ModelCIF file with pLDDT and N, C-alpha, C, O atoms, coordinates in Angstrom:
data_MODEL
#
_entry.id   MODEL 
#
_entity.id                         1 
_entity.type                       polymer 
_entity.pdbx_number_of_molecules   1 
#
_entity_poly.entity_id                      1 
_entity_poly.type                           'polypeptide(L)' 
_entity_poly.nstd_linkage                   no 
_entity_poly.nstd_monomer                   no 
_entity_poly.pdbx_seq_one_letter_code       KNRNNEILKILSDKKKIGVKKLSEILGVSQVTMRKDLDALSERGLIIR 
_entity_poly.pdbx_seq_one_letter_code_can   KNRNNEILKILSDKKKIGVKKLSEILGVSQVTMRKDLDALSERGLIIR 
_entity_poly.pdbx_strand_id                 A 
#
loop_
_entity_poly_seq.entity_id 
_entity_poly_seq.num 
_entity_poly_seq.mon_id 
_entity_poly_seq.hetero 
1 1  LYS n 
1 2  ASN n 
1 3  ARG n 
1 4  ASN n 
1 5  ASN n 
1 6  GLU n 
1 7  ILE n 
1 8  LEU n 
1 9  LYS n 
1 10 ILE n 
1 11 LEU n 
1 12 SER n 
1 13 ASP n 
1 14 LYS n 
1 15 LYS n 
1 16 LYS n 
1 17 ILE n 
1 18 GLY n 
1 19 VAL n 
1 20 LYS n 
1 21 LYS n 
1 22 LEU n 
1 23 SER n 
1 24 GLU n 
1 25 ILE n 
1 26 LEU n 
1 27 GLY n 
1 28 VAL n 
1 29 SER n 
1 30 GLN n 
1 31 VAL n 
1 32 THR n 
1 33 MET n 
1 34 ARG n 
1 35 LYS n 
1 36 ASP n 
1 37 LEU n 
1 38 ASP n 
1 39 ALA n 
1 40 LEU n 
1 41 SER n 
1 42 GLU n 
1 43 ARG n 
1 44 GLY n 
1 45 LEU n 
1 46 ILE n 
1 47 ILE n 
1 48 ARG n 
#
_struct_asym.id          A 
_struct_asym.entity_id   1 
#
loop_
_ma_qa_metric.id 
_ma_qa_metric.mode 
_ma_qa_metric.name 
_ma_qa_metric.software_group_id 
_ma_qa_metric.type 
1 global pLDDT . pLDDT 
2 local  pLDDT . pLDDT 
#
_ma_qa_metric_global.metric_id      1 
_ma_qa_metric_global.metric_value   85.58 
_ma_qa_metric_global.model_id       1 
_ma_qa_metric_global.ordinal_id     1 
#
loop_
_ma_qa_metric_local.label_asym_id 
_ma_qa_metric_local.label_comp_id 
_ma_qa_metric_local.label_seq_id 
_ma_qa_metric_local.metric_id 
_ma_qa_metric_local.metric_value 
_ma_qa_metric_local.model_id 
_ma_qa_metric_local.ordinal_id 
A LYS 1  2 59.00 1 1  
A ASN 2  2 70.00 1 2  
A ARG 3  2 83.00 1 3  
A ASN 4  2 79.00 1 4  
A ASN 5  2 75.00 1 5  
A GLU 6  2 83.00 1 6  
A ILE 7  2 87.00 1 7  
A LEU 8  2 79.00 1 8  
A LYS 9  2 77.00 1 9  
A ILE 10 2 85.00 1 10 
A LEU 11 2 82.00 1 11 
A SER 12 2 73.00 1 12 
A ASP 13 2 76.00 1 13 
A LYS 14 2 81.00 1 14 
A LYS 15 2 81.00 1 15 
A LYS 16 2 89.00 1 16 
A ILE 17 2 93.00 1 17 
A GLY 18 2 93.00 1 18 
A VAL 19 2 93.00 1 19 
A LYS 20 2 93.00 1 20 
A LYS 21 2 94.00 1 21 
A LEU 22 2 93.00 1 22 
A SER 23 2 93.00 1 23 
A GLU 24 2 93.00 1 24 
A ILE 25 2 93.00 1 25 
A LEU 26 2 93.00 1 26 
A GLY 27 2 92.00 1 27 
A VAL 28 2 93.00 1 28 
A SER 29 2 93.00 1 29 
A GLN 30 2 92.00 1 30 
A VAL 31 2 93.00 1 31 
A THR 32 2 93.00 1 32 
A MET 33 2 94.00 1 33 
A ARG 34 2 92.00 1 34 
A LYS 35 2 91.00 1 35 
A ASP 36 2 90.00 1 36 
A LEU 37 2 92.00 1 37 
A ASP 38 2 90.00 1 38 
A ALA 39 2 85.00 1 39 
A LEU 40 2 85.00 1 40 
A SER 41 2 85.00 1 41 
A GLU 42 2 80.00 1 42 
A ARG 43 2 72.00 1 43 
A GLY 44 2 71.00 1 44 
A LEU 45 2 75.00 1 45 
A ILE 46 2 84.00 1 46 
A ILE 47 2 86.00 1 47 
A ARG 48 2 90.00 1 48 
#
loop_
_atom_site.group_PDB 
_atom_site.id 
_atom_site.type_symbol 
_atom_site.label_atom_id 
_atom_site.label_alt_id 
_atom_site.label_comp_id 
_atom_site.label_asym_id 
_atom_site.label_entity_id 
_atom_site.label_seq_id 
_atom_site.pdbx_PDB_ins_code 
_atom_site.Cartn_x 
_atom_site.Cartn_y 
_atom_site.Cartn_z 
_atom_site.occupancy 
_atom_site.B_iso_or_equiv 
_atom_site.pdbx_formal_charge 
_atom_site.auth_seq_id 
_atom_site.auth_comp_id 
_atom_site.auth_asym_id 
_atom_site.auth_atom_id 
_atom_site.pdbx_PDB_model_num 
ATOM 1   N N  . LYS A 1 1  ? -3.790 9.494   -5.220  1.00 59.00 ? 1  LYS A N  1 
ATOM 2   C CA . LYS A 1 1  ? -2.933 9.005   -6.306  1.00 59.00 ? 1  LYS A CA 1 
ATOM 3   C C  . LYS A 1 1  ? -1.475 9.017   -5.900  1.00 59.00 ? 1  LYS A C  1 
ATOM 4   O O  . LYS A 1 1  ? -0.734 8.075   -6.182  1.00 59.00 ? 1  LYS A O  1 
ATOM 5   N N  . ASN A 1 2  ? -1.055 10.110  -5.222  1.00 70.00 ? 2  ASN A N  1 
ATOM 6   C CA . ASN A 1 2  ? 0.341  10.193  -4.790  1.00 70.00 ? 2  ASN A CA 1 
ATOM 7   C C  . ASN A 1 2  ? 0.662  9.103   -3.782  1.00 70.00 ? 2  ASN A C  1 
ATOM 8   O O  . ASN A 1 2  ? 1.754  8.536   -3.806  1.00 70.00 ? 2  ASN A O  1 
ATOM 9   N N  . ARG A 1 3  ? -0.296 8.803   -2.884  1.00 83.00 ? 3  ARG A N  1 
ATOM 10  C CA . ARG A 1 3  ? -0.055 7.748   -1.896  1.00 83.00 ? 3  ARG A CA 1 
ATOM 11  C C  . ARG A 1 3  ? 0.032  6.386   -2.585  1.00 83.00 ? 3  ARG A C  1 
ATOM 12  O O  . ARG A 1 3  ? 0.863  5.555   -2.221  1.00 83.00 ? 3  ARG A O  1 
ATOM 13  N N  . ASN A 1 4  ? -0.814 6.164   -3.565  1.00 79.00 ? 4  ASN A N  1 
ATOM 14  C CA . ASN A 1 4  ? -0.731 4.909   -4.319  1.00 79.00 ? 4  ASN A CA 1 
ATOM 15  C C  . ASN A 1 4  ? 0.629  4.746   -4.988  1.00 79.00 ? 4  ASN A C  1 
ATOM 16  O O  . ASN A 1 4  ? 1.202  3.657   -5.007  1.00 79.00 ? 4  ASN A O  1 
ATOM 17  N N  . ASN A 1 5  ? 1.136  5.851   -5.538  1.00 75.00 ? 5  ASN A N  1 
ATOM 18  C CA . ASN A 1 5  ? 2.463  5.816   -6.156  1.00 75.00 ? 5  ASN A CA 1 
ATOM 19  C C  . ASN A 1 5  ? 3.526  5.459   -5.136  1.00 75.00 ? 5  ASN A C  1 
ATOM 20  O O  . ASN A 1 5  ? 4.446  4.697   -5.433  1.00 75.00 ? 5  ASN A O  1 
ATOM 21  N N  . GLU A 1 6  ? 3.404  6.010   -3.927  1.00 83.00 ? 6  GLU A N  1 
ATOM 22  C CA . GLU A 1 6  ? 4.367  5.709   -2.864  1.00 83.00 ? 6  GLU A CA 1 
ATOM 23  C C  . GLU A 1 6  ? 4.278  4.240   -2.445  1.00 83.00 ? 6  GLU A C  1 
ATOM 24  O O  . GLU A 1 6  ? 5.298  3.597   -2.200  1.00 83.00 ? 6  GLU A O  1 
ATOM 25  N N  . ILE A 1 7  ? 3.062  3.718   -2.365  1.00 87.00 ? 7  ILE A N  1 
ATOM 26  C CA . ILE A 1 7  ? 2.882  2.304   -2.015  1.00 87.00 ? 7  ILE A CA 1 
ATOM 27  C C  . ILE A 1 7  ? 3.592  1.415   -3.034  1.00 87.00 ? 7  ILE A C  1 
ATOM 28  O O  . ILE A 1 7  ? 4.311  0.487   -2.663  1.00 87.00 ? 7  ILE A O  1 
ATOM 29  N N  . LEU A 1 8  ? 3.387  1.706   -4.322  1.00 79.00 ? 8  LEU A N  1 
ATOM 30  C CA . LEU A 1 8  ? 3.994  0.891   -5.386  1.00 79.00 ? 8  LEU A CA 1 
ATOM 31  C C  . LEU A 1 8  ? 5.515  1.037   -5.391  1.00 79.00 ? 8  LEU A C  1 
ATOM 32  O O  . LEU A 1 8  ? 6.240  0.082   -5.670  1.00 79.00 ? 8  LEU A O  1 
ATOM 33  N N  . LYS A 1 9  ? 5.985  2.235   -5.080  1.00 77.00 ? 9  LYS A N  1 
ATOM 34  C CA . LYS A 1 9  ? 7.425  2.457   -5.006  1.00 77.00 ? 9  LYS A CA 1 
ATOM 35  C C  . LYS A 1 9  ? 8.045  1.623   -3.887  1.00 77.00 ? 9  LYS A C  1 
ATOM 36  O O  . LYS A 1 9  ? 9.099  1.014   -4.071  1.00 77.00 ? 9  LYS A O  1 
ATOM 37  N N  . ILE A 1 10 ? 7.388  1.598   -2.727  1.00 85.00 ? 10 ILE A N  1 
ATOM 38  C CA . ILE A 1 10 ? 7.874  0.815   -1.584  1.00 85.00 ? 10 ILE A CA 1 
ATOM 39  C C  . ILE A 1 10 ? 7.849  -0.680  -1.918  1.00 85.00 ? 10 ILE A C  1 
ATOM 40  O O  . ILE A 1 10 ? 8.789  -1.409  -1.601  1.00 85.00 ? 10 ILE A O  1 
ATOM 41  N N  . LEU A 1 11 ? 6.770  -1.126  -2.557  1.00 82.00 ? 11 LEU A N  1 
ATOM 42  C CA . LEU A 1 11 ? 6.659  -2.550  -2.900  1.00 82.00 ? 11 LEU A CA 1 
ATOM 43  C C  . LEU A 1 11 ? 7.663  -2.970  -3.972  1.00 82.00 ? 11 LEU A C  1 
ATOM 44  O O  . LEU A 1 11 ? 8.121  -4.112  -3.983  1.00 82.00 ? 11 LEU A O  1 
ATOM 45  N N  . SER A 1 12 ? 8.004  -2.050  -4.870  1.00 73.00 ? 12 SER A N  1 
ATOM 46  C CA . SER A 1 12 ? 9.026  -2.363  -5.872  1.00 73.00 ? 12 SER A CA 1 
ATOM 47  C C  . SER A 1 12 ? 10.349 -2.682  -5.201  1.00 73.00 ? 12 SER A C  1 
ATOM 48  O O  . SER A 1 12 ? 11.142 -3.473  -5.712  1.00 73.00 ? 12 SER A O  1 
ATOM 49  N N  . ASP A 1 13 ? 10.582 -2.060  -4.050  1.00 76.00 ? 13 ASP A N  1 
ATOM 50  C CA . ASP A 1 13 ? 11.832 -2.279  -3.312  1.00 76.00 ? 13 ASP A CA 1 
ATOM 51  C C  . ASP A 1 13 ? 11.715 -3.471  -2.358  1.00 76.00 ? 13 ASP A C  1 
ATOM 52  O O  . ASP A 1 13 ? 12.613 -4.311  -2.299  1.00 76.00 ? 13 ASP A O  1 
ATOM 53  N N  . LYS A 1 14 ? 10.608 -3.544  -1.612  1.00 81.00 ? 14 LYS A N  1 
ATOM 54  C CA . LYS A 1 14 ? 10.464 -4.547  -0.548  1.00 81.00 ? 14 LYS A CA 1 
ATOM 55  C C  . LYS A 1 14 ? 9.876  -5.879  -1.027  1.00 81.00 ? 14 LYS A C  1 
ATOM 56  O O  . LYS A 1 14 ? 10.145 -6.925  -0.437  1.00 81.00 ? 14 LYS A O  1 
ATOM 57  N N  . LYS A 1 15 ? 9.073  -5.838  -2.097  1.00 81.00 ? 15 LYS A N  1 
ATOM 58  C CA . LYS A 1 15 ? 8.355  -6.999  -2.652  1.00 81.00 ? 15 LYS A CA 1 
ATOM 59  C C  . LYS A 1 15 ? 7.173  -7.429  -1.781  1.00 81.00 ? 15 LYS A C  1 
ATOM 60  O O  . LYS A 1 15 ? 6.118  -7.776  -2.313  1.00 81.00 ? 15 LYS A O  1 
ATOM 61  N N  . LYS A 1 16 ? 7.330  -7.414  -0.447  1.00 89.00 ? 16 LYS A N  1 
ATOM 62  C CA . LYS A 1 16 ? 6.255  -7.773  0.471   1.00 89.00 ? 16 LYS A CA 1 
ATOM 63  C C  . LYS A 1 16 ? 6.396  -6.946  1.740   1.00 89.00 ? 16 LYS A C  1 
ATOM 64  O O  . LYS A 1 16 ? 7.497  -6.782  2.265   1.00 89.00 ? 16 LYS A O  1 
ATOM 65  N N  . ILE A 1 17 ? 5.259  -6.419  2.235   1.00 93.00 ? 17 ILE A N  1 
ATOM 66  C CA . ILE A 1 17 ? 5.327  -5.587  3.437   1.00 93.00 ? 17 ILE A CA 1 
ATOM 67  C C  . ILE A 1 17 ? 4.004  -5.680  4.184   1.00 93.00 ? 17 ILE A C  1 
ATOM 68  O O  . ILE A 1 17 ? 2.947  -5.821  3.569   1.00 93.00 ? 17 ILE A O  1 
ATOM 69  N N  . GLY A 1 18 ? 4.065  -5.601  5.517   1.00 93.00 ? 18 GLY A N  1 
ATOM 70  C CA . GLY A 1 18 ? 2.866  -5.653  6.340   1.00 93.00 ? 18 GLY A CA 1 
ATOM 71  C C  . GLY A 1 18 ? 2.061  -4.372  6.254   1.00 93.00 ? 18 GLY A C  1 
ATOM 72  O O  . GLY A 1 18 ? 2.619  -3.290  6.068   1.00 93.00 ? 18 GLY A O  1 
ATOM 73  N N  . VAL A 1 19 ? 0.747  -4.495  6.389   1.00 93.00 ? 19 VAL A N  1 
ATOM 74  C CA . VAL A 1 19 ? -0.137 -3.327  6.332   1.00 93.00 ? 19 VAL A CA 1 
ATOM 75  C C  . VAL A 1 19 ? 0.200  -2.343  7.452   1.00 93.00 ? 19 VAL A C  1 
ATOM 76  O O  . VAL A 1 19 ? 0.221  -1.132  7.232   1.00 93.00 ? 19 VAL A O  1 
ATOM 77  N N  . LYS A 1 20 ? 0.461  -2.858  8.641   1.00 93.00 ? 20 LYS A N  1 
ATOM 78  C CA . LYS A 1 20 ? 0.787  -1.987  9.780   1.00 93.00 ? 20 LYS A CA 1 
ATOM 79  C C  . LYS A 1 20 ? 2.050  -1.180  9.499   1.00 93.00 ? 20 LYS A C  1 
ATOM 80  O O  . LYS A 1 20 ? 2.080  0.030   9.719   1.00 93.00 ? 20 LYS A O  1 
ATOM 81  N N  . LYS A 1 21 ? 3.089  -1.850  9.015   1.00 94.00 ? 21 LYS A N  1 
ATOM 82  C CA . LYS A 1 21 ? 4.350  -1.176  8.707   1.00 94.00 ? 21 LYS A CA 1 
ATOM 83  C C  . LYS A 1 21 ? 4.151  -0.132  7.615   1.00 94.00 ? 21 LYS A C  1 
ATOM 84  O O  . LYS A 1 21 ? 4.689  0.971   7.707   1.00 94.00 ? 21 LYS A O  1 
ATOM 85  N N  . LEU A 1 22 ? 3.387  -0.471  6.588   1.00 93.00 ? 22 LEU A N  1 
ATOM 86  C CA . LEU A 1 22 ? 3.144  0.439   5.468   1.00 93.00 ? 22 LEU A CA 1 
ATOM 87  C C  . LEU A 1 22 ? 2.372  1.668   5.936   1.00 93.00 ? 22 LEU A C  1 
ATOM 88  O O  . LEU A 1 22 ? 2.661  2.783   5.500   1.00 93.00 ? 22 LEU A O  1 
ATOM 89  N N  . SER A 1 23 ? 1.397  1.478   6.814   1.00 93.00 ? 23 SER A N  1 
ATOM 90  C CA . SER A 1 23 ? 0.624  2.618   7.325   1.00 93.00 ? 23 SER A CA 1 
ATOM 91  C C  . SER A 1 23 ? 1.493  3.540   8.170   1.00 93.00 ? 23 SER A C  1 
ATOM 92  O O  . SER A 1 23 ? 1.301  4.756   8.160   1.00 93.00 ? 23 SER A O  1 
ATOM 93  N N  . GLU A 1 24 ? 2.450  2.968   8.904   1.00 93.00 ? 24 GLU A N  1 
ATOM 94  C CA . GLU A 1 24 ? 3.380  3.780   9.701   1.00 93.00 ? 24 GLU A CA 1 
ATOM 95  C C  . GLU A 1 24 ? 4.297  4.600   8.802   1.00 93.00 ? 24 GLU A C  1 
ATOM 96  O O  . GLU A 1 24 ? 4.541  5.777   9.067   1.00 93.00 ? 24 GLU A O  1 
ATOM 97  N N  . ILE A 1 25 ? 4.806  3.979   7.737   1.00 93.00 ? 25 ILE A N  1 
ATOM 98  C CA . ILE A 1 25 ? 5.704  4.679   6.813   1.00 93.00 ? 25 ILE A CA 1 
ATOM 99  C C  . ILE A 1 25 ? 5.003  5.859   6.154   1.00 93.00 ? 25 ILE A C  1 
ATOM 100 O O  . ILE A 1 25 ? 5.590  6.929   5.995   1.00 93.00 ? 25 ILE A O  1 
ATOM 101 N N  . LEU A 1 26 ? 3.745  5.658   5.771   1.00 93.00 ? 26 LEU A N  1 
ATOM 102 C CA . LEU A 1 26 ? 3.020  6.686   5.016   1.00 93.00 ? 26 LEU A CA 1 
ATOM 103 C C  . LEU A 1 26 ? 2.165  7.597   5.903   1.00 93.00 ? 26 LEU A C  1 
ATOM 104 O O  . LEU A 1 26 ? 1.553  8.547   5.414   1.00 93.00 ? 26 LEU A O  1 
ATOM 105 N N  . GLY A 1 27 ? 2.125  7.305   7.195   1.00 92.00 ? 27 GLY A N  1 
ATOM 106 C CA . GLY A 1 27 ? 1.445  8.209   8.131   1.00 92.00 ? 27 GLY A CA 1 
ATOM 107 C C  . GLY A 1 27 ? -0.060 8.241   7.999   1.00 92.00 ? 27 GLY A C  1 
ATOM 108 O O  . GLY A 1 27 ? -0.677 9.296   8.150   1.00 92.00 ? 27 GLY A O  1 
ATOM 109 N N  . VAL A 1 28 ? -0.671 7.075   7.714   1.00 93.00 ? 28 VAL A N  1 
ATOM 110 C CA . VAL A 1 28 ? -2.136 6.996   7.636   1.00 93.00 ? 28 VAL A CA 1 
ATOM 111 C C  . VAL A 1 28 ? -2.598 5.824   8.495   1.00 93.00 ? 28 VAL A C  1 
ATOM 112 O O  . VAL A 1 28 ? -1.796 4.989   8.914   1.00 93.00 ? 28 VAL A O  1 
ATOM 113 N N  . SER A 1 29 ? -3.912 5.777   8.752   1.00 93.00 ? 29 SER A N  1 
ATOM 114 C CA . SER A 1 29 ? -4.444 4.694   9.566   1.00 93.00 ? 29 SER A CA 1 
ATOM 115 C C  . SER A 1 29 ? -4.416 3.376   8.794   1.00 93.00 ? 29 SER A C  1 
ATOM 116 O O  . SER A 1 29 ? -4.338 3.359   7.566   1.00 93.00 ? 29 SER A O  1 
ATOM 117 N N  . GLN A 1 30 ? -4.481 2.283   9.534   1.00 92.00 ? 30 GLN A N  1 
ATOM 118 C CA . GLN A 1 30 ? -4.506 0.967   8.883   1.00 92.00 ? 30 GLN A CA 1 
ATOM 119 C C  . GLN A 1 30 ? -5.799 0.777   8.078   1.00 92.00 ? 30 GLN A C  1 
ATOM 120 O O  . GLN A 1 30 ? -5.811 0.072   7.069   1.00 92.00 ? 30 GLN A O  1 
ATOM 121 N N  . VAL A 1 31 ? -6.879 1.410   8.534   1.00 93.00 ? 31 VAL A N  1 
ATOM 122 C CA . VAL A 1 31 ? -8.145 1.334   7.789   1.00 93.00 ? 31 VAL A CA 1 
ATOM 123 C C  . VAL A 1 31 ? -7.983 1.991   6.422   1.00 93.00 ? 31 VAL A C  1 
ATOM 124 O O  . VAL A 1 31 ? -8.400 1.436   5.405   1.00 93.00 ? 31 VAL A O  1 
ATOM 125 N N  . THR A 1 32 ? -7.372 3.183   6.405   1.00 93.00 ? 32 THR A N  1 
ATOM 126 C CA . THR A 1 32 ? -7.124 3.892   5.142   1.00 93.00 ? 32 THR A CA 1 
ATOM 127 C C  . THR A 1 32 ? -6.190 3.093   4.258   1.00 93.00 ? 32 THR A C  1 
ATOM 128 O O  . THR A 1 32 ? -6.395 2.997   3.048   1.00 93.00 ? 32 THR A O  1 
ATOM 129 N N  . MET A 1 33 ? -5.156 2.517   4.870   1.00 94.00 ? 33 MET A N  1 
ATOM 130 C CA . MET A 1 33 ? -4.182 1.744   4.101   1.00 94.00 ? 33 MET A CA 1 
ATOM 131 C C  . MET A 1 33 ? -4.841 0.515   3.466   1.00 94.00 ? 33 MET A C  1 
ATOM 132 O O  . MET A 1 33 ? -4.552 0.189   2.315   1.00 94.00 ? 33 MET A O  1 
ATOM 133 N N  . ARG A 1 34 ? -5.704 -0.153  4.189   1.00 92.00 ? 34 ARG A N  1 
ATOM 134 C CA . ARG A 1 34 ? -6.390 -1.325  3.627   1.00 92.00 ? 34 ARG A CA 1 
ATOM 135 C C  . ARG A 1 34 ? -7.252 -0.928  2.429   1.00 92.00 ? 34 ARG A C  1 
ATOM 136 O O  . ARG A 1 34 ? -7.314 -1.655  1.438   1.00 92.00 ? 34 ARG A O  1 
ATOM 137 N N  . LYS A 1 35 ? -7.917 0.226   2.521   1.00 91.00 ? 35 LYS A N  1 
ATOM 138 C CA . LYS A 1 35 ? -8.738 0.701   1.402   1.00 91.00 ? 35 LYS A CA 1 
ATOM 139 C C  . LYS A 1 35 ? -7.870 0.969   0.174   1.00 91.00 ? 35 LYS A C  1 
ATOM 140 O O  . LYS A 1 35 ? -8.230 0.611   -0.947  1.00 91.00 ? 35 LYS A O  1 
ATOM 141 N N  . ASP A 1 36 ? -6.714 1.608   0.405   1.00 90.00 ? 36 ASP A N  1 
ATOM 142 C CA . ASP A 1 36 ? -5.783 1.886   -0.701  1.00 90.00 ? 36 ASP A CA 1 
ATOM 143 C C  . ASP A 1 36 ? -5.298 0.584   -1.338  1.00 90.00 ? 36 ASP A C  1 
ATOM 144 O O  . ASP A 1 36 ? -5.250 0.458   -2.561  1.00 90.00 ? 36 ASP A O  1 
ATOM 145 N N  . LEU A 1 37 ? -4.941 -0.377  -0.492  1.00 92.00 ? 37 LEU A N  1 
ATOM 146 C CA . LEU A 1 37 ? -4.417 -1.654  -1.003  1.00 92.00 ? 37 LEU A CA 1 
ATOM 147 C C  . LEU A 1 37 ? -5.494 -2.453  -1.726  1.00 92.00 ? 37 LEU A C  1 
ATOM 148 O O  . LEU A 1 37 ? -5.214 -3.116  -2.724  1.00 92.00 ? 37 LEU A O  1 
ATOM 149 N N  . ASP A 1 38 ? -6.722 -2.389  -1.227  1.00 90.00 ? 38 ASP A N  1 
ATOM 150 C CA . ASP A 1 38 ? -7.828 -3.068  -1.910  1.00 90.00 ? 38 ASP A CA 1 
ATOM 151 C C  . ASP A 1 38 ? -8.031 -2.480  -3.306  1.00 90.00 ? 38 ASP A C  1 
ATOM 152 O O  . ASP A 1 38 ? -8.272 -3.210  -4.267  1.00 90.00 ? 38 ASP A O  1 
ATOM 153 N N  . ALA A 1 39 ? -7.931 -1.147  -3.407  1.00 85.00 ? 39 ALA A N  1 
ATOM 154 C CA . ALA A 1 39 ? -8.102 -0.482  -4.708  1.00 85.00 ? 39 ALA A CA 1 
ATOM 155 C C  . ALA A 1 39 ? -6.990 -0.885  -5.679  1.00 85.00 ? 39 ALA A C  1 
ATOM 156 O O  . ALA A 1 39 ? -7.249 -1.120  -6.860  1.00 85.00 ? 39 ALA A O  1 
ATOM 157 N N  . LEU A 1 40 ? -5.758 -0.965  -5.182  1.00 85.00 ? 40 LEU A N  1 
ATOM 158 C CA . LEU A 1 40 ? -4.632 -1.384  -6.026  1.00 85.00 ? 40 LEU A CA 1 
ATOM 159 C C  . LEU A 1 40 ? -4.769 -2.849  -6.437  1.00 85.00 ? 40 LEU A C  1 
ATOM 160 O O  . LEU A 1 40 ? -4.407 -3.232  -7.549  1.00 85.00 ? 40 LEU A O  1 
ATOM 161 N N  . SER A 1 41 ? -5.296 -3.653  -5.527  1.00 85.00 ? 41 SER A N  1 
ATOM 162 C CA . SER A 1 41 ? -5.515 -5.069  -5.833  1.00 85.00 ? 41 SER A CA 1 
ATOM 163 C C  . SER A 1 41 ? -6.587 -5.230  -6.907  1.00 85.00 ? 41 SER A C  1 
ATOM 164 O O  . SER A 1 41 ? -6.447 -6.063  -7.802  1.00 85.00 ? 41 SER A O  1 
ATOM 165 N N  . GLU A 1 42 ? -7.649 -4.445  -6.823  1.00 80.00 ? 42 GLU A N  1 
ATOM 166 C CA . GLU A 1 42 ? -8.726 -4.503  -7.825  1.00 80.00 ? 42 GLU A CA 1 
ATOM 167 C C  . GLU A 1 42 ? -8.214 -4.108  -9.211  1.00 80.00 ? 42 GLU A C  1 
ATOM 168 O O  . GLU A 1 42 ? -8.716 -4.597  -10.223 1.00 80.00 ? 42 GLU A O  1 
ATOM 169 N N  . ARG A 1 43 ? -7.207 -3.217  -9.256  1.00 72.00 ? 43 ARG A N  1 
ATOM 170 C CA . ARG A 1 43 ? -6.613 -2.799  -10.529 1.00 72.00 ? 43 ARG A CA 1 
ATOM 171 C C  . ARG A 1 43 ? -5.566 -3.805  -11.019 1.00 72.00 ? 43 ARG A C  1 
ATOM 172 O O  . ARG A 1 43 ? -4.989 -3.631  -12.092 1.00 72.00 ? 43 ARG A O  1 
ATOM 173 N N  . GLY A 1 44 ? -5.324 -4.855  -10.230 1.00 71.00 ? 44 GLY A N  1 
ATOM 174 C CA . GLY A 1 44 ? -4.404 -5.899  -10.652 1.00 71.00 ? 44 GLY A CA 1 
ATOM 175 C C  . GLY A 1 44 ? -2.945 -5.559  -10.454 1.00 71.00 ? 44 GLY A C  1 
ATOM 176 O O  . GLY A 1 44 ? -2.078 -6.200  -11.047 1.00 71.00 ? 44 GLY A O  1 
ATOM 177 N N  . LEU A 1 45 ? -2.647 -4.546  -9.617  1.00 75.00 ? 45 LEU A N  1 
ATOM 178 C CA . LEU A 1 45 ? -1.264 -4.107  -9.452  1.00 75.00 ? 45 LEU A CA 1 
ATOM 179 C C  . LEU A 1 45 ? -0.537 -4.822  -8.320  1.00 75.00 ? 45 LEU A C  1 
ATOM 180 O O  . LEU A 1 45 ? 0.687  -4.945  -8.346  1.00 75.00 ? 45 LEU A O  1 
ATOM 181 N N  . ILE A 1 46 ? -1.289 -5.295  -7.323  1.00 84.00 ? 46 ILE A N  1 
ATOM 182 C CA . ILE A 1 46 ? -0.668 -5.974  -6.181  1.00 84.00 ? 46 ILE A CA 1 
ATOM 183 C C  . ILE A 1 46 ? -1.507 -7.183  -5.796  1.00 84.00 ? 46 ILE A C  1 
ATOM 184 O O  . ILE A 1 46 ? -2.614 -7.378  -6.297  1.00 84.00 ? 46 ILE A O  1 
ATOM 185 N N  . ILE A 1 47 ? -0.953 -7.994  -4.891  1.00 86.00 ? 47 ILE A N  1 
ATOM 186 C CA . ILE A 1 47 ? -1.688 -9.116  -4.309  1.00 86.00 ? 47 ILE A CA 1 
ATOM 187 C C  . ILE A 1 47 ? -1.902 -8.809  -2.821  1.00 86.00 ? 47 ILE A C  1 
ATOM 188 O O  . ILE A 1 47 ? -0.985 -8.380  -2.122  1.00 86.00 ? 47 ILE A O  1 
ATOM 189 N N  . ARG A 1 48 ? -3.123 -9.037  -2.360  1.00 90.00 ? 48 ARG A N  1 
ATOM 190 C CA . ARG A 1 48 ? -3.424 -8.849  -0.934  1.00 90.00 ? 48 ARG A CA 1 
ATOM 191 C C  . ARG A 1 48 ? -3.468 -10.192 -0.231  1.00 90.00 ? 48 ARG A C  1 
ATOM 192 O O  . ARG A 1 48 ? -3.707 -10.250 0.975   1.00 90.00 ? 48 ARG A O  1 
#
């Protein structure tokens, strides 16, 4: 949940960001980041 909040906070500022860059900022693998982004997309919060 905290990581999701950080993702949304970053997107509120950047509007658009690459998965690789986002995974580097948050210190997780790109596989984990894609799963997080898919979950946020399913909730209607972001566009993938």
